[in-house]
N, C-alpha and C. Protein backbone atom coordinates (compact mmCIF):
# COMPACT_ATOMS: atom_id res chain seq x y z
N UNK A 1 134.87 121.26 164.82
CA UNK A 1 134.30 119.93 164.48
C UNK A 1 132.92 120.06 163.85
N UNK A 2 132.52 119.42 162.94
CA UNK A 2 131.38 119.55 162.07
C UNK A 2 130.16 119.33 163.07
N UNK A 3 129.12 119.94 162.81
CA UNK A 3 127.86 120.01 163.80
C UNK A 3 127.05 118.69 163.53
N UNK A 4 127.29 117.98 162.59
CA UNK A 4 126.80 116.76 162.41
C UNK A 4 127.80 115.60 162.62
N UNK A 5 128.71 115.76 163.34
CA UNK A 5 129.80 114.85 163.60
C UNK A 5 129.36 113.43 164.15
N UNK A 6 128.48 113.47 165.30
CA UNK A 6 127.88 112.14 165.57
C UNK A 6 127.24 111.47 164.54
N UNK A 7 126.41 112.08 163.61
CA UNK A 7 125.57 111.30 162.49
C UNK A 7 126.63 110.84 161.52
N UNK A 8 127.44 111.61 161.11
CA UNK A 8 128.54 111.27 160.13
C UNK A 8 129.58 110.39 160.77
N UNK A 9 129.71 110.38 161.75
CA UNK A 9 130.70 109.37 162.35
C UNK A 9 130.14 108.12 162.56
N UNK A 10 128.78 108.06 162.76
CA UNK A 10 128.12 106.61 162.49
C UNK A 10 128.03 106.08 161.37
N UNK A 11 128.04 107.08 160.27
CA UNK A 11 127.88 106.65 158.63
C UNK A 11 129.17 105.92 158.49
N UNK A 12 130.15 106.62 158.97
CA UNK A 12 131.73 106.32 158.40
C UNK A 12 131.92 104.88 159.14
N UNK A 13 131.49 104.62 160.31
CA UNK A 13 131.92 103.43 160.96
C UNK A 13 130.97 102.12 160.36
N UNK A 14 129.85 102.54 160.00
CA UNK A 14 129.05 101.40 159.42
C UNK A 14 129.79 101.10 158.00
N UNK A 15 130.15 102.00 157.34
CA UNK A 15 130.92 101.57 156.09
C UNK A 15 132.02 100.96 156.09
N UNK A 16 132.88 101.06 157.24
CA UNK A 16 134.17 100.58 157.13
C UNK A 16 134.25 99.07 157.19
N UNK A 17 133.21 98.46 157.80
CA UNK A 17 133.53 96.95 157.79
C UNK A 17 133.51 96.11 156.53
N UNK A 18 133.11 96.95 155.44
CA UNK A 18 133.13 96.10 154.13
C UNK A 18 134.34 96.30 153.31
N UNK A 19 134.77 95.17 152.51
CA UNK A 19 135.95 95.06 151.77
C UNK A 19 135.53 94.80 150.18
N UNK A 20 136.57 94.92 149.39
CA UNK A 20 136.26 94.79 148.00
C UNK A 20 137.23 93.74 147.65
N UNK A 21 137.05 93.07 146.33
CA UNK A 21 137.87 92.12 145.85
C UNK A 21 138.81 92.70 144.59
N UNK A 22 138.62 93.86 144.08
CA UNK A 22 139.50 94.27 143.10
C UNK A 22 140.59 95.23 143.80
N UNK A 23 141.83 95.16 142.98
CA UNK A 23 142.58 95.93 143.35
C UNK A 23 142.51 97.36 142.72
N UNK A 24 143.17 98.55 143.03
CA UNK A 24 142.79 99.98 142.65
C UNK A 24 142.89 100.10 141.22
N UNK A 25 143.81 99.27 140.59
CA UNK A 25 143.95 99.26 139.24
C UNK A 25 143.02 98.76 138.12
N UNK A 26 141.91 98.19 138.89
CA UNK A 26 140.87 97.44 138.14
C UNK A 26 139.79 98.17 137.50
N UNK A 27 140.18 99.01 136.53
CA UNK A 27 139.14 99.92 135.93
C UNK A 27 137.97 99.38 135.12
N UNK A 28 138.26 98.15 134.75
CA UNK A 28 137.12 97.43 133.90
C UNK A 28 136.12 96.64 134.80
N UNK A 29 136.32 96.53 135.90
CA UNK A 29 135.30 95.90 136.80
C UNK A 29 133.94 96.26 136.74
N UNK A 30 132.98 95.37 136.82
CA UNK A 30 131.60 95.73 136.81
C UNK A 30 131.21 96.29 138.47
N UNK A 31 130.91 97.49 138.45
CA UNK A 31 130.84 98.12 139.84
C UNK A 31 129.47 97.55 140.62
N UNK A 32 128.58 96.93 139.65
CA UNK A 32 127.40 96.30 140.27
C UNK A 32 127.45 94.86 140.76
N UNK A 33 128.54 94.08 140.40
CA UNK A 33 129.07 92.91 140.84
C UNK A 33 128.95 92.61 142.30
N UNK A 34 128.56 91.52 142.57
CA UNK A 34 128.50 91.12 144.02
C UNK A 34 129.98 90.40 144.24
N UNK A 35 130.74 91.00 145.32
CA UNK A 35 132.04 90.62 145.67
C UNK A 35 132.08 90.10 146.96
N UNK A 36 132.93 89.12 147.41
CA UNK A 36 133.08 88.48 148.55
C UNK A 36 134.01 89.25 149.28
N UNK A 37 133.78 89.34 150.66
CA UNK A 37 134.82 90.07 151.61
C UNK A 37 134.62 89.28 153.03
N UNK A 38 135.59 88.93 153.34
CA UNK A 38 135.44 88.15 154.64
C UNK A 38 134.74 86.81 154.64
N UNK A 39 134.69 86.22 153.39
CA UNK A 39 133.92 85.03 153.22
C UNK A 39 132.39 85.14 152.97
N UNK A 40 131.90 86.34 153.02
CA UNK A 40 130.42 86.82 152.73
C UNK A 40 130.28 87.49 151.53
N UNK A 41 129.15 87.25 151.01
CA UNK A 41 128.93 88.15 149.72
C UNK A 41 128.16 89.63 150.19
N UNK A 42 128.72 90.54 149.62
CA UNK A 42 128.66 91.92 149.71
C UNK A 42 127.79 92.54 148.36
N UNK A 43 126.31 92.79 148.69
CA UNK A 43 125.44 92.96 147.72
C UNK A 43 125.21 94.49 147.71
N UNK A 44 125.42 95.04 146.28
CA UNK A 44 125.41 96.29 146.05
C UNK A 44 123.94 97.10 146.46
N UNK A 45 123.08 96.36 146.67
CA UNK A 45 121.55 96.67 147.01
C UNK A 45 121.46 96.91 148.54
N UNK A 46 122.40 96.27 149.29
CA UNK A 46 122.25 96.64 150.86
C UNK A 46 123.32 97.72 151.42
N UNK A 47 122.84 98.11 152.41
CA UNK A 47 123.96 99.28 153.00
C UNK A 47 125.30 98.80 153.54
N UNK A 48 126.04 99.66 153.93
CA UNK A 48 127.35 99.43 154.41
C UNK A 48 127.09 98.51 155.59
N UNK A 49 126.28 98.96 156.64
CA UNK A 49 125.94 98.08 157.71
C UNK A 49 125.51 96.63 157.50
N UNK A 50 124.54 96.69 156.52
CA UNK A 50 123.86 95.19 156.26
C UNK A 50 124.82 94.38 155.68
N UNK A 51 125.98 94.64 155.05
CA UNK A 51 126.86 93.96 154.49
C UNK A 51 128.05 93.82 155.42
N UNK A 52 128.47 94.65 156.32
CA UNK A 52 129.59 94.42 157.01
C UNK A 52 129.39 93.61 158.10
N UNK A 53 128.24 93.46 158.65
CA UNK A 53 127.99 92.63 159.89
C UNK A 53 128.33 91.11 159.51
N UNK A 54 128.24 90.77 158.24
CA UNK A 54 128.60 89.47 157.65
C UNK A 54 130.19 89.03 157.51
N UNK A 55 131.08 90.17 157.30
CA UNK A 55 132.36 89.84 157.14
C UNK A 55 133.11 89.29 158.18
N UNK A 56 133.77 88.18 158.20
CA UNK A 56 134.43 87.50 159.19
C UNK A 56 135.73 88.36 159.43
N UNK A 57 136.10 89.06 158.39
CA UNK A 57 137.39 89.85 158.56
C UNK A 57 137.32 91.28 159.10
N UNK A 58 135.92 91.75 159.60
CA UNK A 58 135.70 92.85 160.01
C UNK A 58 135.03 93.08 161.46
N UNK A 59 135.18 91.93 162.06
CA UNK A 59 134.38 91.77 163.35
C UNK A 59 134.65 92.80 164.35
N UNK A 60 135.90 93.26 164.31
CA UNK A 60 136.43 94.20 165.31
C UNK A 60 136.02 95.65 164.76
N UNK A 61 135.97 95.82 163.53
CA UNK A 61 135.40 96.94 163.23
C UNK A 61 134.01 97.19 163.47
N UNK A 62 133.19 96.14 163.13
CA UNK A 62 131.70 96.11 163.57
C UNK A 62 131.59 96.30 164.96
N UNK A 63 132.38 95.72 165.94
CA UNK A 63 132.19 96.09 167.24
C UNK A 63 132.29 97.58 167.74
N UNK A 64 133.40 97.86 167.09
CA UNK A 64 133.79 99.35 167.20
C UNK A 64 132.75 100.46 166.81
N UNK A 65 132.06 100.02 165.62
CA UNK A 65 130.88 100.84 165.21
C UNK A 65 129.76 100.93 166.22
N UNK A 66 129.49 99.66 166.79
CA UNK A 66 128.21 99.52 167.79
C UNK A 66 128.53 100.27 168.98
N UNK A 67 129.83 100.14 169.33
CA UNK A 67 130.32 100.62 170.61
C UNK A 67 130.43 102.46 170.61
N UNK A 68 130.69 102.79 169.43
CA UNK A 68 130.56 104.30 169.08
C UNK A 68 129.27 104.91 168.85
N UNK A 69 128.37 103.88 168.83
CA UNK A 69 126.92 104.33 168.44
C UNK A 69 126.71 104.95 166.91
N UNK A 70 127.53 104.38 166.14
CA UNK A 70 127.35 104.57 164.75
C UNK A 70 126.63 103.84 163.75
N UNK A 71 125.82 102.96 164.28
CA UNK A 71 125.15 102.06 163.15
C UNK A 71 124.08 102.73 162.42
N UNK A 72 123.14 103.53 163.26
CA UNK A 72 122.10 104.16 162.39
C UNK A 72 122.78 104.93 161.67
N UNK A 73 123.86 105.72 161.83
CA UNK A 73 124.46 106.68 160.96
C UNK A 73 124.84 106.00 159.60
N UNK A 74 125.61 105.06 159.74
CA UNK A 74 126.05 104.31 158.58
C UNK A 74 125.16 103.66 157.87
N UNK A 75 124.00 103.46 158.54
CA UNK A 75 122.89 102.84 157.85
C UNK A 75 122.18 103.82 156.99
N UNK A 76 122.59 105.21 157.14
CA UNK A 76 121.69 106.22 156.35
C UNK A 76 121.98 106.11 154.85
N UNK A 77 121.59 107.39 154.14
CA UNK A 77 121.68 107.34 152.65
C UNK A 77 122.98 107.69 152.15
N UNK A 78 123.86 108.12 152.69
CA UNK A 78 125.30 108.71 152.46
C UNK A 78 125.23 109.57 151.35
N UNK A 79 126.02 109.40 150.14
CA UNK A 79 126.92 108.25 150.07
C UNK A 79 128.20 108.50 150.93
N UNK A 80 128.91 107.42 151.27
CA UNK A 80 130.16 107.42 151.98
C UNK A 80 130.99 106.61 151.23
N UNK A 81 132.57 106.84 151.32
CA UNK A 81 133.75 105.94 150.99
C UNK A 81 134.31 105.76 152.36
N UNK A 82 134.39 104.38 152.57
CA UNK A 82 134.79 103.95 153.86
C UNK A 82 136.32 103.00 153.43
N UNK A 83 137.32 103.51 154.14
CA UNK A 83 138.73 102.77 154.18
C UNK A 83 138.54 101.75 155.18
N UNK A 84 138.18 100.54 155.21
CA UNK A 84 137.73 99.72 156.06
C UNK A 84 138.99 98.76 156.55
N UNK A 85 139.52 98.93 157.94
CA UNK A 85 140.68 98.02 158.26
C UNK A 85 140.07 96.55 158.67
N UNK A 86 140.90 95.78 158.46
CA UNK A 86 140.51 94.31 158.90
C UNK A 86 140.89 94.21 160.16
N UNK A 87 140.38 92.85 160.79
CA UNK A 87 140.70 92.35 162.29
C UNK A 87 142.24 92.47 162.27
N UNK A 88 143.05 91.71 161.12
CA UNK A 88 144.52 91.84 161.43
C UNK A 88 145.01 93.25 161.33
N UNK A 89 144.24 94.36 160.64
CA UNK A 89 144.95 95.59 160.97
C UNK A 89 144.64 96.24 162.44
N UNK A 90 143.49 95.85 162.96
CA UNK A 90 143.35 96.53 164.46
C UNK A 90 144.49 95.54 165.16
N UNK A 91 144.74 94.38 164.87
CA UNK A 91 145.66 93.74 165.83
C UNK A 91 147.06 94.06 165.77
N UNK A 92 147.23 95.09 164.66
CA UNK A 92 148.75 95.89 164.73
C UNK A 92 148.81 96.76 165.60
N UNK A 93 147.61 97.30 166.17
CA UNK A 93 147.82 98.18 167.19
C UNK A 93 148.50 97.80 168.24
N UNK A 94 149.08 98.80 169.28
CA UNK A 94 149.79 98.25 170.53
C UNK A 94 148.64 97.55 171.50
N UNK A 95 149.17 96.60 172.15
CA UNK A 95 148.36 95.83 173.14
C UNK A 95 147.58 96.68 173.83
N UNK A 96 146.33 96.19 174.02
CA UNK A 96 145.26 96.90 174.69
C UNK A 96 144.58 98.16 174.20
N UNK A 97 144.96 98.47 173.17
CA UNK A 97 144.65 99.47 172.43
C UNK A 97 143.05 99.44 172.18
N UNK A 98 142.83 98.44 171.35
CA UNK A 98 141.24 98.17 171.04
C UNK A 98 140.49 97.97 172.29
N UNK A 99 140.84 97.38 173.25
CA UNK A 99 139.85 97.48 174.50
C UNK A 99 139.96 98.60 175.09
N UNK A 100 140.96 99.58 175.04
CA UNK A 100 140.58 100.86 175.70
C UNK A 100 139.74 101.76 174.85
N UNK A 101 139.70 101.64 173.50
CA UNK A 101 138.83 102.24 172.81
C UNK A 101 137.50 102.03 172.82
N UNK A 102 137.20 100.71 173.14
CA UNK A 102 135.92 100.32 173.22
C UNK A 102 135.23 100.47 174.61
N UNK A 103 136.02 101.15 175.44
CA UNK A 103 135.33 101.47 176.72
C UNK A 103 134.53 102.58 176.61
N UNK A 104 133.01 102.82 177.29
CA UNK A 104 132.24 103.65 177.05
C UNK A 104 132.94 105.09 177.29
N UNK A 105 133.79 105.40 178.34
CA UNK A 105 134.58 106.57 178.50
C UNK A 105 135.43 107.04 177.51
N UNK A 106 135.66 106.31 176.37
CA UNK A 106 136.42 106.69 175.35
C UNK A 106 135.69 106.63 174.13
N UNK A 107 134.37 106.72 174.27
CA UNK A 107 133.28 106.79 172.84
C UNK A 107 133.71 107.89 171.88
N UNK A 108 134.18 108.96 172.42
CA UNK A 108 134.42 110.39 171.58
C UNK A 108 135.67 109.94 170.66
N UNK A 109 136.68 109.47 171.20
CA UNK A 109 137.98 109.11 170.76
C UNK A 109 137.87 107.98 169.79
N UNK A 110 137.02 107.03 170.24
CA UNK A 110 136.58 105.85 169.08
C UNK A 110 135.85 106.42 167.96
N UNK A 111 134.92 107.40 168.09
CA UNK A 111 134.24 108.07 166.88
C UNK A 111 135.11 108.63 166.14
N UNK A 112 135.96 109.20 166.69
CA UNK A 112 136.90 110.12 165.96
C UNK A 112 137.89 109.32 165.04
N UNK A 113 138.49 108.09 165.47
CA UNK A 113 139.37 107.19 164.77
C UNK A 113 138.36 106.55 163.68
N UNK A 114 137.17 106.19 163.97
CA UNK A 114 136.53 105.50 163.03
C UNK A 114 136.24 106.35 161.91
N UNK A 115 135.54 107.68 162.23
CA UNK A 115 135.10 108.48 161.20
C UNK A 115 136.17 109.06 160.22
N UNK A 116 137.65 108.72 160.88
CA UNK A 116 138.82 109.20 160.18
C UNK A 116 138.97 108.28 158.80
N UNK A 117 138.26 107.30 158.67
CA UNK A 117 138.24 106.27 157.67
C UNK A 117 137.08 106.67 156.87
N UNK A 118 136.50 107.43 157.01
CA UNK A 118 135.19 107.80 156.16
C UNK A 118 135.36 109.19 155.35
N UNK A 119 135.04 109.08 153.88
CA UNK A 119 135.33 110.14 153.24
C UNK A 119 133.86 110.34 152.59
N UNK A 120 133.16 111.81 152.67
CA UNK A 120 131.91 111.78 152.20
C UNK A 120 132.12 111.76 150.50
N UNK A 121 130.85 111.20 150.11
CA UNK A 121 130.84 111.04 148.58
C UNK A 121 131.13 109.51 148.31
N UNK A 122 130.91 108.88 147.07
CA UNK A 122 131.47 107.70 146.66
C UNK A 122 132.72 107.72 145.73
N UNK A 123 133.77 107.75 146.18
CA UNK A 123 134.99 107.79 145.51
C UNK A 123 135.48 106.46 145.13
N UNK A 124 135.42 105.81 143.81
CA UNK A 124 135.78 104.56 143.38
C UNK A 124 137.26 104.51 143.21
N UNK A 125 137.93 103.23 142.94
CA UNK A 125 139.25 103.27 142.79
C UNK A 125 139.57 104.07 141.60
N UNK A 126 138.89 104.13 140.60
CA UNK A 126 139.47 104.79 139.41
C UNK A 126 139.19 106.25 139.61
N UNK A 127 138.34 106.64 140.36
CA UNK A 127 138.30 108.06 140.80
C UNK A 127 139.54 108.57 141.55
N UNK A 128 139.73 107.72 142.69
CA UNK A 128 141.01 107.83 143.46
C UNK A 128 142.31 108.06 142.66
N UNK A 129 142.45 106.88 141.79
CA UNK A 129 143.72 106.83 141.02
C UNK A 129 143.64 108.29 140.18
N UNK A 130 142.59 108.65 139.59
CA UNK A 130 142.63 109.80 138.80
C UNK A 130 143.02 110.95 139.55
N UNK A 131 142.53 111.03 140.68
CA UNK A 131 142.91 112.25 141.85
C UNK A 131 144.27 112.21 142.18
N UNK A 132 144.74 111.13 142.35
CA UNK A 132 146.34 111.02 142.56
C UNK A 132 147.26 111.54 141.42
N UNK A 133 146.87 111.08 140.31
CA UNK A 133 147.53 111.42 139.00
C UNK A 133 147.32 112.94 138.62
N UNK A 134 146.02 113.55 138.90
CA UNK A 134 146.07 114.94 138.69
C UNK A 134 146.51 115.66 139.70
N UNK A 135 146.78 115.20 140.95
CA UNK A 135 147.45 115.95 142.21
C UNK A 135 149.02 115.68 142.07
N UNK A 136 149.50 115.18 140.74
CA UNK A 136 151.20 115.23 140.76
C UNK A 136 151.56 113.95 141.59
N UNK A 137 150.80 112.83 141.86
CA UNK A 137 151.25 111.66 142.64
C UNK A 137 150.56 111.50 143.93
N UNK A 138 149.93 112.44 144.41
CA UNK A 138 149.06 112.34 145.61
C UNK A 138 147.79 113.11 145.63
N UNK A 139 146.80 112.64 146.35
CA UNK A 139 145.55 113.18 146.57
C UNK A 139 145.16 113.45 148.07
N UNK A 140 144.68 114.51 148.64
CA UNK A 140 144.47 114.90 149.78
C UNK A 140 142.92 114.70 150.07
N UNK A 141 142.36 113.63 150.77
CA UNK A 141 141.07 113.41 151.22
C UNK A 141 140.74 114.11 152.33
N UNK A 142 139.71 114.60 152.61
CA UNK A 142 139.08 115.25 153.86
C UNK A 142 138.29 114.40 154.31
N UNK A 143 138.37 113.79 155.59
CA UNK A 143 137.53 112.80 156.10
C UNK A 143 136.34 113.49 156.94
N UNK A 144 135.39 112.61 157.14
CA UNK A 144 134.12 112.91 157.96
C UNK A 144 134.72 113.64 159.18
N UNK A 145 135.73 113.02 159.79
CA UNK A 145 136.17 113.19 161.16
C UNK A 145 136.79 114.72 161.25
N UNK A 146 137.21 115.27 159.75
CA UNK A 146 137.73 116.71 159.72
C UNK A 146 139.32 116.65 159.43
N UNK A 147 139.78 115.40 159.41
CA UNK A 147 141.44 115.34 159.14
C UNK A 147 141.61 115.08 157.59
N UNK A 148 142.85 114.93 157.44
CA UNK A 148 143.31 114.64 156.15
C UNK A 148 143.85 113.32 156.11
N UNK A 149 143.49 112.22 155.02
CA UNK A 149 144.41 111.23 154.48
C UNK A 149 145.01 111.57 153.13
N UNK A 150 146.29 111.25 152.82
CA UNK A 150 146.76 111.52 151.78
C UNK A 150 147.06 110.00 150.96
N UNK A 151 146.55 110.12 149.88
CA UNK A 151 146.62 108.80 148.82
C UNK A 151 147.62 109.14 148.06
N UNK A 152 148.56 107.91 147.85
CA UNK A 152 149.51 107.74 146.89
C UNK A 152 149.45 106.59 146.13
N UNK A 153 150.06 106.30 145.15
CA UNK A 153 150.32 104.97 144.35
C UNK A 153 151.78 104.70 144.74
N UNK A 154 152.11 103.24 145.23
CA UNK A 154 153.26 102.76 145.53
C UNK A 154 153.16 101.45 144.85
N UNK A 155 154.02 100.89 144.09
CA UNK A 155 154.22 99.88 143.41
C UNK A 155 152.74 99.21 142.94
N UNK A 156 151.95 100.30 142.35
CA UNK A 156 150.74 99.83 141.60
C UNK A 156 149.61 99.72 142.86
N UNK A 157 149.89 100.13 143.80
CA UNK A 157 148.64 99.93 144.95
C UNK A 157 148.72 101.13 145.59
N UNK A 158 147.19 101.65 145.94
CA UNK A 158 147.04 102.87 146.47
C UNK A 158 147.31 102.64 148.03
N UNK A 159 148.27 103.63 148.62
CA UNK A 159 148.48 103.66 149.88
C UNK A 159 148.13 104.83 150.65
N UNK A 160 147.44 104.97 151.67
CA UNK A 160 147.05 105.90 152.45
C UNK A 160 147.97 106.37 153.53
N UNK A 161 148.43 107.71 153.50
CA UNK A 161 149.23 108.19 154.53
C UNK A 161 148.46 109.08 155.70
N UNK A 162 148.38 108.53 157.00
CA UNK A 162 147.56 109.17 157.87
C UNK A 162 148.40 110.40 158.46
N UNK A 163 147.66 111.26 159.42
CA UNK A 163 148.23 112.37 160.03
C UNK A 163 149.45 112.16 160.72
N UNK A 164 149.65 111.14 161.25
CA UNK A 164 150.88 110.47 162.15
C UNK A 164 152.13 110.04 161.14
N UNK A 165 151.89 109.96 159.98
CA UNK A 165 153.00 109.39 158.89
C UNK A 165 152.70 107.87 158.69
N UNK A 166 151.71 107.08 159.38
CA UNK A 166 151.53 105.89 159.22
C UNK A 166 150.83 105.59 157.81
N UNK A 167 151.07 104.16 157.30
CA UNK A 167 150.65 104.08 156.08
C UNK A 167 149.46 102.59 156.03
N UNK A 168 148.84 102.83 154.96
CA UNK A 168 148.07 101.68 154.87
C UNK A 168 147.59 101.39 153.61
N UNK A 169 147.70 100.20 153.25
CA UNK A 169 147.45 99.58 151.91
C UNK A 169 146.07 99.44 151.62
N UNK A 170 145.73 99.81 150.40
CA UNK A 170 144.32 99.03 149.96
C UNK A 170 144.36 97.76 149.47
N UNK A 171 143.71 96.72 149.95
CA UNK A 171 143.95 95.40 149.54
C UNK A 171 142.93 95.05 148.79
N UNK A 172 141.77 95.58 148.64
CA UNK A 172 140.39 95.21 147.95
C UNK A 172 139.74 96.41 147.77
N UNK A 173 139.17 96.99 146.47
CA UNK A 173 138.63 98.00 146.32
C UNK A 173 137.21 97.84 145.70
N UNK A 174 136.34 98.92 145.70
CA UNK A 174 135.32 99.05 144.88
C UNK A 174 134.17 97.97 145.16
N UNK A 175 134.20 97.84 146.64
CA UNK A 175 133.04 97.00 147.10
C UNK A 175 131.81 97.93 147.27
N UNK A 176 130.83 97.71 146.30
CA UNK A 176 129.86 98.81 146.10
C UNK A 176 128.67 98.49 147.24
N UNK A 177 128.19 99.67 147.78
CA UNK A 177 126.97 99.46 148.46
C UNK A 177 126.07 100.27 148.32
N UNK A 178 124.56 100.04 148.62
CA UNK A 178 123.49 101.17 148.28
C UNK A 178 123.69 102.45 148.98
N UNK A 179 124.73 102.75 149.59
CA UNK A 179 124.85 103.96 150.38
C UNK A 179 126.52 104.35 150.40
N UNK A 180 127.14 103.60 149.40
CA UNK A 180 128.54 104.16 149.53
C UNK A 180 129.58 103.04 148.80
N UNK A 181 130.75 103.12 148.98
CA UNK A 181 131.52 102.16 148.48
C UNK A 181 132.66 101.82 149.62
N UNK A 182 133.19 100.69 149.66
CA UNK A 182 134.38 100.23 150.64
C UNK A 182 135.46 99.80 149.94
N UNK A 183 136.62 100.35 150.66
CA UNK A 183 138.15 99.84 150.21
C UNK A 183 138.56 99.22 151.34
N UNK A 184 139.06 98.06 151.40
CA UNK A 184 139.51 97.30 152.57
C UNK A 184 141.01 97.73 152.61
N UNK A 185 141.32 98.17 153.77
CA UNK A 185 142.87 98.37 154.00
C UNK A 185 143.46 97.47 155.23
N UNK A 186 144.78 97.30 155.10
CA UNK A 186 145.51 96.35 155.97
C UNK A 186 146.14 97.09 157.37
N UNK A 187 145.71 98.44 157.38
CA UNK A 187 146.24 99.12 158.67
C UNK A 187 145.12 100.08 158.96
N UNK A 188 145.15 100.32 160.34
CA UNK A 188 144.19 101.50 161.00
C UNK A 188 144.75 102.74 160.90
N UNK A 189 144.27 103.69 160.23
CA UNK A 189 144.86 104.81 160.00
C UNK A 189 144.35 105.85 161.21
N UNK A 190 145.38 106.74 161.77
CA UNK A 190 145.04 107.31 162.95
C UNK A 190 145.09 108.92 162.78
N UNK A 191 144.20 109.59 163.25
CA UNK A 191 144.03 111.22 163.20
C UNK A 191 145.18 111.74 163.96
N UNK A 192 145.42 112.94 163.77
CA UNK A 192 146.44 113.81 164.33
C UNK A 192 146.11 114.02 165.81
């Protein structure tokens, strides 16, 4: 485990609550434009945490970031790329999973799950699509948690494959933040 794991985990979690309006194929979009996620404007001049707390689609993620003690980390300079699962994504988990993860006794497990959604650096949709093409159809992303997410194109959309073989579609991309970028996903990715 990385020696700065708690700090990196916090950064990852704060970033995760944000989403974006463009699909991964939107190469011509203005990266500095303000996008709406979960009914709230996401300002490129604000941090992941400053924006995420306003998205009504990411209240579960924000609660998880707070419970994991990652708010300060995700408010840091980064940059980070966050694959941010929505409330509906968390609702797909087996009944009781979120409540169990939010218990203080499970803080390290929660940090592991949250930081699995964060990649160091600012990886835009265009960067990711380029990486997938250069990789012969897939790109392996090393997460802050230390695990790997595999990105592929399926039907014109980026799909992430987690360590357990689960898949998450990127539904909004390129939500730019002062300390990174958010890509909204429809499923929670799980580390091995």
